[in-house]
N, C-alpha and C. Protein backbone atom coordinates (compact mmCIF):
# COMPACT_ATOMS: atom_id res chain seq x y z
N UNK A 1 95.32 99.62 194.24
CA UNK A 1 95.18 98.40 195.02
C UNK A 1 93.95 98.48 195.92
N UNK A 2 93.78 99.62 196.59
CA UNK A 2 92.64 99.79 197.47
C UNK A 2 91.33 99.77 196.68
N UNK A 3 91.36 100.32 195.49
CA UNK A 3 90.18 100.35 194.62
C UNK A 3 89.74 98.94 194.23
N UNK A 4 90.71 98.09 193.93
CA UNK A 4 90.44 96.71 193.57
C UNK A 4 89.81 95.97 194.76
N UNK A 5 90.35 96.18 195.95
CA UNK A 5 89.81 95.54 197.15
C UNK A 5 88.39 96.00 197.42
N UNK A 6 88.11 97.28 197.25
CA UNK A 6 86.77 97.79 197.46
C UNK A 6 85.79 97.19 196.45
N UNK A 7 86.23 97.07 195.20
CA UNK A 7 85.38 96.48 194.18
C UNK A 7 85.06 95.02 194.52
N UNK A 8 86.08 94.25 194.93
CA UNK A 8 85.86 92.85 195.31
C UNK A 8 84.91 92.74 196.49
N UNK A 9 85.06 93.62 197.47
CA UNK A 9 84.18 93.63 198.63
C UNK A 9 82.74 93.96 198.21
N UNK A 10 82.59 94.93 197.32
CA UNK A 10 81.25 95.29 196.84
C UNK A 10 80.60 94.12 196.10
N UNK A 11 81.36 93.42 195.26
CA UNK A 11 80.83 92.27 194.53
C UNK A 11 80.44 91.16 195.49
N UNK A 12 81.30 90.85 196.47
CA UNK A 12 80.98 89.81 197.44
C UNK A 12 79.74 90.17 198.25
N UNK A 13 79.61 91.44 198.63
CA UNK A 13 78.45 91.89 199.41
C UNK A 13 77.18 91.77 198.58
N UNK A 14 77.22 92.24 197.33
CA UNK A 14 76.05 92.14 196.45
C UNK A 14 75.66 90.68 196.23
N UNK A 15 76.63 89.83 196.00
CA UNK A 15 76.35 88.41 195.78
C UNK A 15 75.73 87.78 197.03
N UNK A 16 76.23 88.14 198.20
CA UNK A 16 75.65 87.63 199.45
C UNK A 16 74.17 88.02 199.54
N UNK A 17 73.86 89.28 199.26
CA UNK A 17 72.46 89.73 199.29
C UNK A 17 71.61 88.98 198.27
N UNK A 18 72.14 88.80 197.06
CA UNK A 18 71.39 88.08 196.03
C UNK A 18 71.09 86.65 196.46
N UNK A 19 72.10 85.95 196.96
CA UNK A 19 71.94 84.54 197.33
C UNK A 19 71.05 84.39 198.56
N UNK A 20 71.24 85.23 199.56
CA UNK A 20 70.56 85.05 200.83
C UNK A 20 69.24 85.79 200.98
N UNK A 21 69.03 86.86 200.22
CA UNK A 21 67.83 87.65 200.43
C UNK A 21 66.92 87.77 199.19
N UNK A 22 67.46 87.56 198.01
CA UNK A 22 66.66 87.75 196.80
C UNK A 22 66.26 86.41 196.18
N UNK A 23 67.24 85.55 195.89
CA UNK A 23 66.97 84.29 195.22
C UNK A 23 66.95 83.17 196.24
N UNK A 24 66.09 82.20 196.03
CA UNK A 24 65.93 81.08 196.94
C UNK A 24 66.44 79.82 196.24
N UNK A 25 67.78 79.66 196.22
CA UNK A 25 68.39 78.47 195.62
C UNK A 25 68.20 77.27 196.54
N UNK A 26 68.14 76.08 195.96
CA UNK A 26 68.07 74.84 196.75
C UNK A 26 69.41 74.64 197.46
N UNK A 27 70.50 74.83 196.72
CA UNK A 27 71.86 74.73 197.26
C UNK A 27 72.74 75.71 196.48
N UNK A 28 73.77 76.23 197.17
CA UNK A 28 74.71 77.13 196.50
C UNK A 28 76.12 76.82 197.00
N UNK A 29 77.06 76.65 196.06
CA UNK A 29 78.45 76.40 196.40
C UNK A 29 79.19 77.70 196.68
N UNK A 30 80.50 77.60 196.76
CA UNK A 30 81.37 78.75 197.01
C UNK A 30 81.68 79.51 195.72
N UNK A 31 82.02 80.76 195.86
CA UNK A 31 82.49 81.59 194.75
C UNK A 31 81.51 81.62 193.58
N UNK A 32 80.25 81.91 193.88
CA UNK A 32 79.22 82.03 192.87
C UNK A 32 79.03 83.51 192.56
N UNK A 33 78.98 83.86 191.29
CA UNK A 33 78.72 85.24 190.86
C UNK A 33 77.42 85.26 190.08
N UNK A 34 76.58 86.25 190.39
CA UNK A 34 75.27 86.36 189.75
C UNK A 34 75.13 87.71 189.09
N UNK A 35 74.66 87.73 187.85
CA UNK A 35 74.34 88.97 187.17
C UNK A 35 73.06 89.57 187.74
N UNK A 36 72.68 90.70 187.22
CA UNK A 36 71.48 91.37 187.73
C UNK A 36 70.21 90.82 187.08
N UNK A 37 69.12 90.99 187.79
CA UNK A 37 67.77 90.69 187.32
C UNK A 37 67.58 89.29 186.76
N UNK A 38 67.91 88.31 187.58
CA UNK A 38 67.70 86.92 187.22
C UNK A 38 66.28 86.50 187.59
N UNK A 39 65.79 85.46 186.94
CA UNK A 39 64.61 84.77 187.43
C UNK A 39 65.10 83.39 187.86
N UNK A 40 64.81 83.02 189.11
CA UNK A 40 65.23 81.72 189.64
C UNK A 40 64.01 81.06 190.28
N UNK A 41 63.64 79.85 189.83
CA UNK A 41 62.55 79.09 190.44
C UNK A 41 62.87 78.88 191.91
N UNK A 42 62.00 79.32 192.77
CA UNK A 42 62.24 79.26 194.22
C UNK A 42 62.43 77.82 194.70
N UNK A 43 63.60 77.58 195.33
CA UNK A 43 63.89 76.30 195.94
C UNK A 43 64.10 75.14 194.99
N UNK A 44 64.26 75.42 193.69
CA UNK A 44 64.35 74.34 192.70
C UNK A 44 65.68 74.30 191.94
N UNK A 45 66.58 75.24 192.24
CA UNK A 45 67.83 75.34 191.48
C UNK A 45 69.02 75.14 192.41
N UNK A 46 69.91 74.19 192.07
CA UNK A 46 71.15 73.96 192.80
C UNK A 46 72.30 74.47 191.95
N UNK A 47 73.25 75.13 192.61
CA UNK A 47 74.40 75.72 191.92
C UNK A 47 75.67 75.27 192.63
N UNK A 48 76.65 74.79 191.87
CA UNK A 48 77.92 74.33 192.43
C UNK A 48 78.87 75.47 192.76
N UNK A 49 80.15 75.13 192.84
CA UNK A 49 81.22 76.06 193.18
C UNK A 49 81.82 76.66 191.91
N UNK A 50 82.25 77.92 192.01
CA UNK A 50 82.89 78.62 190.89
C UNK A 50 81.96 78.67 189.68
N UNK A 51 80.80 79.28 189.88
CA UNK A 51 79.76 79.38 188.85
C UNK A 51 79.46 80.85 188.60
N UNK A 52 79.27 81.19 187.33
CA UNK A 52 78.80 82.53 186.95
C UNK A 52 77.48 82.37 186.21
N UNK A 53 76.46 83.11 186.64
CA UNK A 53 75.17 83.16 185.96
C UNK A 53 74.95 84.60 185.52
N UNK A 54 74.91 84.82 184.21
CA UNK A 54 74.85 86.16 183.64
C UNK A 54 73.52 86.87 183.84
N UNK A 55 73.56 88.16 183.67
CA UNK A 55 72.40 89.04 183.84
C UNK A 55 71.24 88.60 182.96
N UNK A 56 70.05 88.79 183.47
CA UNK A 56 68.78 88.53 182.78
C UNK A 56 68.57 87.05 182.42
N UNK A 57 69.32 86.16 183.06
CA UNK A 57 69.10 84.73 182.81
C UNK A 57 67.83 84.28 183.51
N UNK A 58 67.24 83.19 182.98
CA UNK A 58 65.93 82.71 183.42
C UNK A 58 66.07 81.22 183.73
N UNK A 59 66.01 80.86 185.02
CA UNK A 59 66.21 79.48 185.45
C UNK A 59 64.90 78.97 186.04
N UNK A 60 64.13 78.25 185.22
CA UNK A 60 62.79 77.82 185.61
C UNK A 60 62.70 76.30 185.55
N UNK A 61 62.54 75.65 186.69
CA UNK A 61 62.40 74.21 186.72
C UNK A 61 63.31 73.59 187.74
N UNK A 62 63.39 72.27 187.70
CA UNK A 62 64.26 71.50 188.58
C UNK A 62 65.63 71.45 187.90
N UNK A 63 66.55 72.29 188.38
CA UNK A 63 67.82 72.50 187.67
C UNK A 63 68.99 72.23 188.61
N UNK A 64 69.98 71.51 188.11
CA UNK A 64 71.22 71.26 188.84
C UNK A 64 72.38 71.75 187.99
N UNK A 65 73.13 72.71 188.51
CA UNK A 65 74.27 73.29 187.81
C UNK A 65 75.53 72.88 188.57
N UNK A 66 76.48 72.26 187.87
CA UNK A 66 77.70 71.75 188.49
C UNK A 66 78.70 72.84 188.83
N UNK A 67 79.95 72.44 188.98
CA UNK A 67 81.06 73.34 189.32
C UNK A 67 81.73 73.88 188.05
N UNK A 68 82.33 75.06 188.19
CA UNK A 68 83.11 75.65 187.09
C UNK A 68 82.26 75.84 185.83
N UNK A 69 81.06 76.35 186.02
CA UNK A 69 80.11 76.54 184.92
C UNK A 69 79.91 78.02 184.66
N UNK A 70 79.82 78.39 183.38
CA UNK A 70 79.52 79.77 183.00
C UNK A 70 78.24 79.80 182.18
N UNK A 71 77.29 80.61 182.62
CA UNK A 71 76.10 80.90 181.85
C UNK A 71 76.20 82.37 181.47
N UNK A 72 76.25 82.68 180.20
CA UNK A 72 76.34 84.06 179.74
C UNK A 72 75.02 84.78 180.04
N UNK A 73 74.93 86.03 179.67
CA UNK A 73 73.70 86.80 179.85
C UNK A 73 72.56 86.22 179.02
N UNK A 74 71.34 86.40 179.51
CA UNK A 74 70.12 86.03 178.79
C UNK A 74 69.97 84.54 178.48
N UNK A 75 70.60 83.69 179.27
CA UNK A 75 70.43 82.25 179.09
C UNK A 75 69.11 81.84 179.74
N UNK A 76 68.35 80.99 179.07
CA UNK A 76 67.09 80.49 179.62
C UNK A 76 67.14 78.98 179.73
N UNK A 77 66.88 78.49 180.94
CA UNK A 77 66.69 77.06 181.16
C UNK A 77 65.24 76.94 181.59
N UNK A 78 64.43 76.36 180.73
CA UNK A 78 62.98 76.44 180.93
C UNK A 78 62.37 75.08 181.23
N UNK A 79 61.28 75.11 182.02
CA UNK A 79 60.59 73.91 182.47
C UNK A 79 59.65 73.35 181.43
N UNK A 80 58.78 72.48 181.90
CA UNK A 80 57.86 71.76 181.03
C UNK A 80 56.86 72.66 180.33
N UNK A 81 56.40 72.21 179.17
CA UNK A 81 55.40 72.94 178.39
C UNK A 81 54.00 72.69 178.92
N UNK A 82 53.07 73.46 178.40
CA UNK A 82 51.66 73.23 178.70
C UNK A 82 51.19 72.02 177.89
N UNK A 83 50.28 71.27 178.46
CA UNK A 83 49.69 70.13 177.76
C UNK A 83 48.57 70.71 176.90
N UNK A 84 48.82 70.84 175.60
CA UNK A 84 47.93 71.60 174.73
C UNK A 84 47.09 70.75 173.77
N UNK A 85 47.15 69.45 173.89
CA UNK A 85 46.41 68.57 172.96
C UNK A 85 45.14 67.98 173.56
N UNK A 86 44.58 68.62 174.58
CA UNK A 86 43.34 68.13 175.18
C UNK A 86 42.16 68.95 174.66
N UNK A 87 41.25 68.32 173.92
CA UNK A 87 40.09 69.07 173.42
C UNK A 87 39.28 69.68 174.57
N UNK A 88 38.82 70.88 174.35
CA UNK A 88 37.99 71.55 175.34
C UNK A 88 38.75 72.34 176.39
N UNK A 89 40.09 72.32 176.33
CA UNK A 89 40.89 73.11 177.28
C UNK A 89 41.71 74.10 176.48
N UNK A 90 41.49 75.38 176.76
CA UNK A 90 42.26 76.43 176.08
C UNK A 90 43.73 76.33 176.47
N UNK A 91 44.61 76.69 175.57
CA UNK A 91 46.04 76.62 175.87
C UNK A 91 46.40 77.42 177.11
N UNK A 92 45.74 78.55 177.32
CA UNK A 92 46.00 79.38 178.49
C UNK A 92 45.70 78.61 179.78
N UNK A 93 44.67 77.77 179.78
CA UNK A 93 44.25 77.05 180.98
C UNK A 93 44.85 75.65 181.08
N UNK A 94 45.60 75.24 180.08
CA UNK A 94 46.16 73.88 180.05
C UNK A 94 47.16 73.68 181.19
N UNK A 95 47.14 72.50 181.81
CA UNK A 95 48.11 72.23 182.88
C UNK A 95 49.52 72.04 182.29
N UNK A 96 50.53 72.12 183.18
CA UNK A 96 51.91 71.91 182.76
C UNK A 96 52.25 70.43 182.78
N UNK A 97 53.15 70.02 181.88
CA UNK A 97 53.61 68.64 181.89
C UNK A 97 54.55 68.43 183.08
N UNK A 98 54.92 67.19 183.34
CA UNK A 98 55.81 66.84 184.45
C UNK A 98 57.18 67.50 184.25
N UNK A 99 57.71 68.09 185.31
CA UNK A 99 59.04 68.72 185.25
C UNK A 99 60.10 67.65 185.40
N UNK A 100 61.00 67.59 184.46
CA UNK A 100 62.13 66.67 184.53
C UNK A 100 63.37 67.48 184.90
N UNK A 101 64.30 66.87 185.60
CA UNK A 101 65.51 67.57 186.03
C UNK A 101 66.38 67.93 184.83
N UNK A 102 66.84 69.16 184.80
CA UNK A 102 67.81 69.64 183.82
C UNK A 102 69.15 69.70 184.53
N UNK A 103 70.18 69.06 183.94
CA UNK A 103 71.48 68.97 184.59
C UNK A 103 72.56 69.59 183.70
N UNK A 104 73.28 70.54 184.27
CA UNK A 104 74.45 71.12 183.60
C UNK A 104 75.65 70.60 184.39
N UNK A 105 76.40 69.66 183.80
CA UNK A 105 77.52 69.06 184.53
C UNK A 105 78.70 70.04 184.60
N UNK A 106 79.75 69.65 185.31
CA UNK A 106 80.90 70.50 185.57
C UNK A 106 81.56 71.00 184.28
N UNK A 107 82.13 72.21 184.38
CA UNK A 107 83.02 72.77 183.36
C UNK A 107 82.31 73.05 182.03
N UNK A 108 81.01 73.39 182.09
CA UNK A 108 80.27 73.73 180.88
C UNK A 108 80.22 75.24 180.67
N UNK A 109 80.00 75.63 179.43
CA UNK A 109 79.87 77.04 179.08
C UNK A 109 78.66 77.17 178.15
N UNK A 110 77.73 78.01 178.56
CA UNK A 110 76.52 78.24 177.77
C UNK A 110 76.54 79.68 177.29
N UNK A 111 76.52 79.88 175.97
CA UNK A 111 76.66 81.19 175.37
C UNK A 111 75.42 82.07 175.49
N UNK A 112 75.60 83.33 175.20
CA UNK A 112 74.57 84.37 175.29
C UNK A 112 73.28 84.00 174.57
N UNK A 113 72.17 84.12 175.30
CA UNK A 113 70.87 83.92 174.69
C UNK A 113 70.50 82.49 174.38
N UNK A 114 71.30 81.52 174.83
CA UNK A 114 70.97 80.12 174.57
C UNK A 114 69.75 79.71 175.39
N UNK A 115 69.00 78.73 174.88
CA UNK A 115 67.83 78.19 175.56
C UNK A 115 68.06 76.70 175.74
N UNK A 116 67.93 76.23 176.98
CA UNK A 116 68.08 74.82 177.31
C UNK A 116 66.70 74.33 177.75
N UNK A 117 66.17 73.31 177.09
CA UNK A 117 64.83 72.82 177.40
C UNK A 117 64.83 71.84 178.57
N UNK A 118 63.64 71.65 179.12
CA UNK A 118 63.36 70.80 180.26
C UNK A 118 63.90 69.39 180.07
N UNK A 119 64.60 68.87 181.10
CA UNK A 119 65.03 67.48 181.11
C UNK A 119 66.34 67.20 180.39
N UNK A 120 67.03 68.22 179.95
CA UNK A 120 68.29 68.05 179.20
C UNK A 120 69.45 67.80 180.18
N UNK A 121 70.41 66.97 179.76
CA UNK A 121 71.68 66.83 180.48
C UNK A 121 72.78 67.32 179.56
N UNK A 122 73.54 68.29 180.05
CA UNK A 122 74.73 68.75 179.33
C UNK A 122 75.92 68.07 179.96
N UNK A 123 76.61 67.26 179.18
CA UNK A 123 77.75 66.50 179.69
C UNK A 123 78.91 67.40 180.09
N UNK A 124 79.75 66.86 180.94
CA UNK A 124 80.91 67.58 181.45
C UNK A 124 81.72 68.22 180.33
N UNK A 125 82.06 69.49 180.50
CA UNK A 125 82.93 70.18 179.56
C UNK A 125 82.28 70.62 178.27
N UNK A 126 80.98 70.46 178.13
CA UNK A 126 80.29 70.82 176.88
C UNK A 126 80.16 72.33 176.74
N UNK A 127 80.03 72.78 175.49
CA UNK A 127 79.86 74.19 175.18
C UNK A 127 78.64 74.34 174.27
N UNK A 128 77.79 75.34 174.60
CA UNK A 128 76.63 75.66 173.78
C UNK A 128 76.87 77.06 173.20
N UNK A 129 76.82 77.18 171.88
CA UNK A 129 77.05 78.46 171.22
C UNK A 129 75.92 79.44 171.52
N UNK A 130 76.23 80.72 171.42
CA UNK A 130 75.25 81.78 171.64
C UNK A 130 74.03 81.59 170.74
N UNK A 131 72.85 81.83 171.31
CA UNK A 131 71.62 81.78 170.53
C UNK A 131 71.10 80.40 170.20
N UNK A 132 71.74 79.36 170.67
CA UNK A 132 71.33 77.99 170.36
C UNK A 132 70.12 77.57 171.18
N UNK A 133 69.36 76.62 170.66
CA UNK A 133 68.23 76.03 171.37
C UNK A 133 68.54 74.55 171.54
N UNK A 134 68.78 74.13 172.79
CA UNK A 134 69.18 72.76 173.07
C UNK A 134 67.93 71.94 173.39
N UNK A 135 67.62 70.97 172.52
CA UNK A 135 66.40 70.18 172.63
C UNK A 135 66.67 68.73 173.03
N UNK A 136 67.95 68.33 173.08
CA UNK A 136 68.29 66.96 173.49
C UNK A 136 69.65 66.99 174.19
N UNK A 137 69.98 65.89 174.86
CA UNK A 137 71.19 65.82 175.67
C UNK A 137 72.43 66.16 174.85
N UNK A 138 73.42 66.73 175.54
CA UNK A 138 74.67 67.13 174.91
C UNK A 138 75.79 66.25 175.47
N UNK A 139 76.55 65.60 174.60
CA UNK A 139 77.61 64.69 175.02
C UNK A 139 78.75 65.47 175.70
N UNK A 140 79.47 64.82 176.62
CA UNK A 140 80.61 65.48 177.27
C UNK A 140 81.60 66.02 176.24
N UNK A 141 82.11 67.19 176.51
CA UNK A 141 83.13 67.88 175.71
C UNK A 141 82.72 68.20 174.27
N UNK A 142 81.45 68.12 173.97
CA UNK A 142 81.04 68.48 172.62
C UNK A 142 80.69 69.96 172.55
N UNK A 143 80.73 70.49 171.37
CA UNK A 143 80.35 71.87 171.09
C UNK A 143 79.12 71.81 170.20
N UNK A 144 78.02 72.46 170.65
CA UNK A 144 76.79 72.43 169.88
C UNK A 144 76.36 73.85 169.53
N UNK A 145 75.62 73.96 168.42
CA UNK A 145 75.13 75.27 167.98
C UNK A 145 73.89 75.08 167.12
N UNK A 146 73.07 76.12 167.04
CA UNK A 146 71.94 76.11 166.13
C UNK A 146 70.60 75.95 166.81
N UNK A 147 69.54 75.91 165.96
CA UNK A 147 68.18 75.73 166.44
C UNK A 147 67.49 74.72 165.53
N UNK A 148 67.34 73.47 165.97
CA UNK A 148 67.80 72.93 167.24
C UNK A 148 69.32 72.72 167.21
N UNK A 149 69.92 72.75 168.40
CA UNK A 149 71.38 72.62 168.49
C UNK A 149 71.83 71.25 168.00
N UNK A 150 72.90 71.26 167.25
CA UNK A 150 73.51 70.01 166.80
C UNK A 150 75.02 70.12 166.99
N UNK A 151 75.67 68.96 167.05
CA UNK A 151 77.09 68.92 167.35
C UNK A 151 77.92 69.49 166.21
N UNK A 152 78.87 70.37 166.56
CA UNK A 152 79.83 70.91 165.60
C UNK A 152 81.15 70.16 165.68
N UNK A 153 81.42 69.60 166.85
CA UNK A 153 82.68 68.91 167.08
C UNK A 153 82.91 68.77 168.57
N UNK A 154 84.16 68.46 168.92
CA UNK A 154 84.53 68.28 170.32
C UNK A 154 85.59 69.29 170.72
N UNK A 155 85.62 69.61 172.01
CA UNK A 155 86.65 70.51 172.53
C UNK A 155 88.03 69.88 172.42
N UNK A 156 88.11 68.59 172.74
CA UNK A 156 89.39 67.88 172.81
C UNK A 156 89.27 66.51 172.16
N UNK A 157 90.41 65.97 171.72
CA UNK A 157 90.43 64.56 171.35
C UNK A 157 90.57 63.76 172.66
N UNK A 158 90.57 62.43 172.59
CA UNK A 158 90.59 61.58 173.79
C UNK A 158 91.80 61.88 174.69
N UNK A 159 92.98 62.00 174.08
CA UNK A 159 94.19 62.25 174.88
C UNK A 159 94.11 63.62 175.57
N UNK A 160 93.66 64.64 174.86
CA UNK A 160 93.52 65.96 175.45
C UNK A 160 92.49 65.96 176.58
N UNK A 161 91.42 65.18 176.43
CA UNK A 161 90.43 65.06 177.50
C UNK A 161 91.08 64.50 178.76
N UNK A 162 91.87 63.43 178.60
CA UNK A 162 92.55 62.84 179.75
C UNK A 162 93.49 63.85 180.41
N UNK A 163 94.25 64.58 179.60
CA UNK A 163 95.15 65.61 180.14
C UNK A 163 94.37 66.68 180.89
N UNK A 164 93.32 67.17 180.27
CA UNK A 164 92.48 68.21 180.86
C UNK A 164 91.94 67.76 182.21
N UNK A 165 91.37 66.56 182.25
CA UNK A 165 90.78 66.05 183.47
C UNK A 165 91.83 65.81 184.54
N UNK A 166 93.01 65.31 184.16
CA UNK A 166 94.08 65.09 185.13
C UNK A 166 94.57 66.42 185.70
N UNK A 167 94.74 67.41 184.85
CA UNK A 167 95.23 68.71 185.31
C UNK A 167 94.22 69.41 186.23
N UNK A 168 92.94 69.22 185.97
CA UNK A 168 91.90 69.85 186.80
C UNK A 168 91.41 68.94 187.92
N UNK A 169 91.87 67.67 187.94
CA UNK A 169 91.43 66.73 188.96
C UNK A 169 89.97 66.35 188.80
N UNK A 170 89.50 66.28 187.55
CA UNK A 170 88.10 65.94 187.28
C UNK A 170 87.91 64.44 187.18
N UNK A 171 86.69 64.01 187.50
CA UNK A 171 86.31 62.62 187.30
C UNK A 171 85.95 62.43 185.83
N UNK A 172 86.20 61.23 185.32
CA UNK A 172 85.80 60.90 183.94
C UNK A 172 84.28 60.89 183.89
N UNK A 173 83.68 61.56 182.88
CA UNK A 173 82.23 61.52 182.76
C UNK A 173 81.76 60.13 182.32
N UNK A 174 80.54 59.81 182.68
CA UNK A 174 79.95 58.55 182.23
C UNK A 174 79.67 58.65 180.73
N UNK A 175 79.88 57.57 180.02
CA UNK A 175 79.58 57.56 178.59
C UNK A 175 78.06 57.59 178.40
N UNK A 176 77.58 58.43 177.54
CA UNK A 176 76.15 58.48 177.26
C UNK A 176 75.97 59.03 175.86
N UNK A 177 74.88 58.65 175.25
CA UNK A 177 74.62 59.10 173.90
C UNK A 177 74.01 60.51 173.92
N UNK A 178 74.30 61.34 172.92
CA UNK A 178 73.76 62.71 172.89
C UNK A 178 72.26 62.74 172.65
């Protein structure tokens, strides 16, 4: 019992140091766990409550992560590309395109090594399979996989979604196309 308490204290202490002294999040909710050696864009990433961000993840850009979200290890959420179609400018020297907000809504799970591109919205309850590359918005409660990621199906049917949301006290997501 004492060993478990010491471990929890060590984790809370490490997380406090990561949040307050190492990473410069825009906002951070309660009960956030961070893996080791993350890259976080300074002052550009918001994180909700009950969030896990796995080791070696790369969060670059204007990013909003909701509540009850899991990012496995090595997840990359990346910002805008270089503008490479201008004659006379080498790709190395090309400016970056406009950064669009990337939003991970509540209750999402992003698998190991997945890449989420700039400006994507992942709908509430969505799941991204390990190793997937997400190039367009993901509908609420859908499961996507592949490169580029495409829908495999849904977590729940309509009735199960209502039950899930009622049991967790979630708001109904807005309808939007993937």
